[in-house]
Every structure is written in C-alpha cells, then in structure tokens.
C-alpha cells in the first residue's frame, strides 16, 4: 500500500463522481416521495 497516491487527481475525480451519483439518487427518491404524496 502506497501512502502517497500516484495520481491524486484521479482519486478526487472518482470521489466527485460518487458524490454526484449519490446526490442524483437522493433527488430521485425525493421526487418519488412527492409523487406518492
């Protein structure tokens, strides 16, 4: 295990993509709840 990442930009982009994906999932859940109500 390397302590220093060989390409930190890729790690940042990866976490950014995960954050955007989870945000879109939360938005779709909120919309679904509003439609049910």
PDB file of N, CA and C in Angstrom:
ATOM      1  N   UNK A   1       0.838  -1.195   0.000  1.00  0.00           N
ATOM      2  CA  UNK A   1       0.000   0.000   0.000  1.00  0.00           C
ATOM      3  C   UNK A   1       0.879   1.254   0.000  1.00  0.00           C
ATOM      4  N   UNK A   2       0.690   2.087  -0.989  1.00  0.00           N
ATOM      5  CA  UNK A   2       1.426   3.351  -1.018  1.00  0.00           C
ATOM      6  C   UNK A   2       0.672   4.396  -0.214  1.00  0.00           C
ATOM      7  N   UNK A   3       1.402   5.136   0.600  1.00  0.00           N
ATOM      8  CA  UNK A   3       0.739   6.195   1.360  1.00  0.00           C
ATOM      9  C   UNK A   3       0.386   7.364   0.457  1.00  0.00           C
ATOM     10  N   UNK A   4       1.256   7.634  -0.519  1.00  0.00           N
ATOM     11  CA  UNK A   4       1.009   8.747  -1.433  1.00  0.00           C
ATOM     12  C   UNK A   4       0.399   8.202  -2.721  1.00  0.00           C
ATOM     13  N   UNK A   5      -0.719   8.733  -3.105  1.00  0.00           N
ATOM     14  CA  UNK A   5      -1.375   8.259  -4.322  1.00  0.00           C
ATOM     15  C   UNK A   5      -0.568   8.679  -5.550  1.00  0.00           C
ATOM     16  N   UNK A   6      -0.386   7.781  -6.515  1.00  0.00           N
ATOM     17  CA  UNK A   6       0.378   8.124  -7.717  1.00  0.00           C
ATOM     18  C   UNK A   6      -0.304   9.196  -8.557  1.00  0.00           C
ATOM     19  N   UNK A   7      -1.630   9.243  -8.504  1.00  0.00           N
ATOM     20  CA  UNK A   7      -2.354  10.245  -9.292  1.00  0.00           C
ATOM     21  C   UNK A   7      -3.515  10.776  -8.455  1.00  0.00           C
ATOM     22  N   UNK A   8      -3.293  11.779  -7.625  1.00  0.00           N
ATOM     23  CA  UNK A   8      -4.356  12.270  -6.735  1.00  0.00           C
ATOM     24  C   UNK A   8      -5.539  12.855  -7.488  1.00  0.00           C
ATOM     25  N   UNK A   9      -5.308  13.371  -8.689  1.00  0.00           N
ATOM     26  CA  UNK A   9      -6.434  13.955  -9.432  1.00  0.00           C
ATOM     27  C   UNK A   9      -7.477  12.891  -9.755  1.00  0.00           C
ATOM     28  N   UNK A  10      -7.030  11.680 -10.080  1.00  0.00           N
ATOM     29  CA  UNK A  10      -7.992  10.613 -10.376  1.00  0.00           C
ATOM     30  C   UNK A  10      -8.814  10.279  -9.141  1.00  0.00           C
ATOM     31  N   UNK A  11      -8.167  10.272  -7.986  1.00  0.00           N
ATOM     32  CA  UNK A  11      -8.901   9.970  -6.753  1.00  0.00           C
ATOM     33  C   UNK A  11      -9.952  11.039  -6.495  1.00  0.00           C
ATOM     34  N   UNK A  12      -9.596  12.296  -6.714  1.00  0.00           N
ATOM     35  CA  UNK A  12     -10.544  13.391  -6.494  1.00  0.00           C
ATOM     36  C   UNK A  12     -11.715  13.270  -7.462  1.00  0.00           C
ATOM     37  N   UNK A  13     -11.422  12.985  -8.731  1.00  0.00           N
ATOM     38  CA  UNK A  13     -12.500  12.844  -9.711  1.00  0.00           C
ATOM     39  C   UNK A  13     -13.393  11.666  -9.352  1.00  0.00           C
ATOM     40  N   UNK A  14     -12.798  10.571  -8.873  1.00  0.00           N
ATOM     41  CA  UNK A  14     -13.581   9.383  -8.529  1.00  0.00           C
ATOM     42  C   UNK A  14     -14.556   9.697  -7.397  1.00  0.00           C
ATOM     43  N   UNK A  15     -14.062  10.350  -6.340  1.00  0.00           N
ATOM     44  CA  UNK A  15     -14.945  10.682  -5.221  1.00  0.00           C
ATOM     45  C   UNK A  15     -15.997  11.695  -5.663  1.00  0.00           C
ATOM     46  N   UNK A  16     -15.629  12.602  -6.567  1.00  0.00           N
ATOM     47  CA  UNK A  16     -16.584  13.589  -7.057  1.00  0.00           C
ATOM     48  C   UNK A  16     -17.716  12.903  -7.821  1.00  0.00           C
ATOM     49  N   UNK A  17     -17.365  11.909  -8.649  1.00  0.00           N
ATOM     50  CA  UNK A  17     -18.385  11.170  -9.404  1.00  0.00           C
ATOM     51  C   UNK A  17     -19.298  10.421  -8.441  1.00  0.00           C
ATOM     52  N   UNK A  18     -18.728   9.827  -7.397  1.00  0.00           N
ATOM     53  CA  UNK A  18     -19.550   9.095  -6.425  1.00  0.00           C
ATOM     54  C   UNK A  18     -20.507  10.059  -5.725  1.00  0.00           C
ATOM     55  N   UNK A  19     -20.010  11.243  -5.353  1.00  0.00           N
ATOM     56  CA  UNK A  19     -20.870  12.224  -4.688  1.00  0.00           C
ATOM     57  C   UNK A  19     -22.016  12.648  -5.604  1.00  0.00           C
ATOM     58  N   UNK A  20     -21.713  12.877  -6.883  1.00  0.00           N
ATOM     59  CA  UNK A  20     -22.776  13.280  -7.812  1.00  0.00           C
ATOM     60  C   UNK A  20     -23.787  12.159  -7.975  1.00  0.00           C
ATOM     61  N   UNK A  21     -23.316  10.910  -8.035  1.00  0.00           N
ATOM     62  CA  UNK A  21     -24.231   9.779  -8.211  1.00  0.00           C
ATOM     63  C   UNK A  21     -25.158   9.661  -7.007  1.00  0.00           C
ATOM     64  N   UNK A  22     -24.613   9.781  -5.801  1.00  0.00           N
ATOM     65  CA  UNK A  22     -25.451   9.668  -4.607  1.00  0.00           C
ATOM     66  C   UNK A  22     -26.430  10.835  -4.535  1.00  0.00           C
ATOM     67  N   UNK A  23     -26.014  12.021  -4.975  1.00  0.00           N
ATOM     68  CA  UNK A  23     -26.921  13.169  -4.978  1.00  0.00           C
ATOM     69  C   UNK A  23     -28.087  12.926  -5.927  1.00  0.00           C
ATOM     70  N   UNK A  24     -27.807  12.387  -7.111  1.00  0.00           N
ATOM     71  CA  UNK A  24     -28.883  12.133  -8.067  1.00  0.00           C
ATOM     72  C   UNK A  24     -29.837  11.082  -7.515  1.00  0.00           C
ATOM     73  N   UNK A  25     -29.321  10.093  -6.792  1.00  0.00           N
ATOM     74  CA  UNK A  25     -30.187   9.072  -6.193  1.00  0.00           C
ATOM     75  C   UNK A  25     -31.089   9.707  -5.145  1.00  0.00           C
ATOM     76  N   UNK A  26     -30.527  10.591  -4.329  1.00  0.00           N
ATOM     77  CA  UNK A  26     -31.340  11.257  -3.312  1.00  0.00           C
ATOM     78  C   UNK A  26     -32.425  12.105  -3.966  1.00  0.00           C
ATOM     79  N   UNK A  27     -32.082  12.789  -5.053  1.00  0.00           N
ATOM     80  CA  UNK A  27     -33.074  13.630  -5.735  1.00  0.00           C
ATOM     81  C   UNK A  27     -34.214  12.780  -6.281  1.00  0.00           C
ATOM     82  N   UNK A  28     -33.887  11.648  -6.900  1.00  0.00           N
ATOM     83  CA  UNK A  28     -34.937  10.801  -7.462  1.00  0.00           C
ATOM     84  C   UNK A  28     -35.815  10.245  -6.349  1.00  0.00           C
ATOM     85  N   UNK A  29     -35.221   9.942  -5.189  1.00  0.00           N
ATOM     86  CA  UNK A  29     -36.033   9.448  -4.071  1.00  0.00           C
ATOM     87  C   UNK A  29     -36.982  10.533  -3.594  1.00  0.00           C
ATOM     88  N   UNK A  30     -36.489  11.767  -3.487  1.00  0.00           N
ATOM     89  CA  UNK A  30     -37.353  12.863  -3.043  1.00  0.00           C
ATOM     90  C   UNK A  30     -38.505  13.063  -4.018  1.00  0.00           C
ATOM     91  N   UNK A  31     -38.212  13.006  -5.317  1.00  0.00           N
ATOM     92  CA  UNK A  31     -39.268  13.176  -6.322  1.00  0.00           C
ATOM     93  C   UNK A  31     -40.285  12.054  -6.201  1.00  0.00           C
ATOM     94  N   UNK A  32     -39.825  10.830  -5.986  1.00  0.00           N
ATOM     95  CA  UNK A  32     -40.746   9.693  -5.871  1.00  0.00           C
ATOM     96  C   UNK A  32     -41.645   9.863  -4.652  1.00  0.00           C
ATOM     97  N   UNK A  33     -41.086  10.343  -3.553  1.00  0.00           N
ATOM     98  CA  UNK A  33     -41.892  10.549  -2.341  1.00  0.00           C
ATOM     99  C   UNK A  33     -42.940  11.625  -2.588  1.00  0.00           C
ATOM    100  N   UNK A  34     -42.558  12.693  -3.278  1.00  0.00           N
ATOM    101  CA  UNK A  34     -43.520  13.765  -3.550  1.00  0.00           C
ATOM    102  C   UNK A  34     -44.645  13.258  -4.448  1.00  0.00           C
ATOM    103  N   UNK A  35     -44.314  12.397  -5.411  1.00  0.00           N
ATOM    104  CA  UNK A  35     -45.353  11.865  -6.306  1.00  0.00           C
ATOM    105  C   UNK A  35     -46.325  10.989  -5.512  1.00  0.00           C
ATOM    106  N   UNK A  36     -45.800  10.197  -4.566  1.00  0.00           N
ATOM    107  CA  UNK A  36     -46.679   9.337  -3.758  1.00  0.00           C
ATOM    108  C   UNK A  36     -47.617  10.183  -2.915  1.00  0.00           C
ATOM    109  N   UNK A  37     -47.101  11.278  -2.356  1.00  0.00           N
ATOM    110  CA  UNK A  37     -47.957  12.135  -1.535  1.00  0.00           C
ATOM    111  C   UNK A  37     -48.872  12.962  -2.429  1.00  0.00           C
TER     112      UNK A  37
END
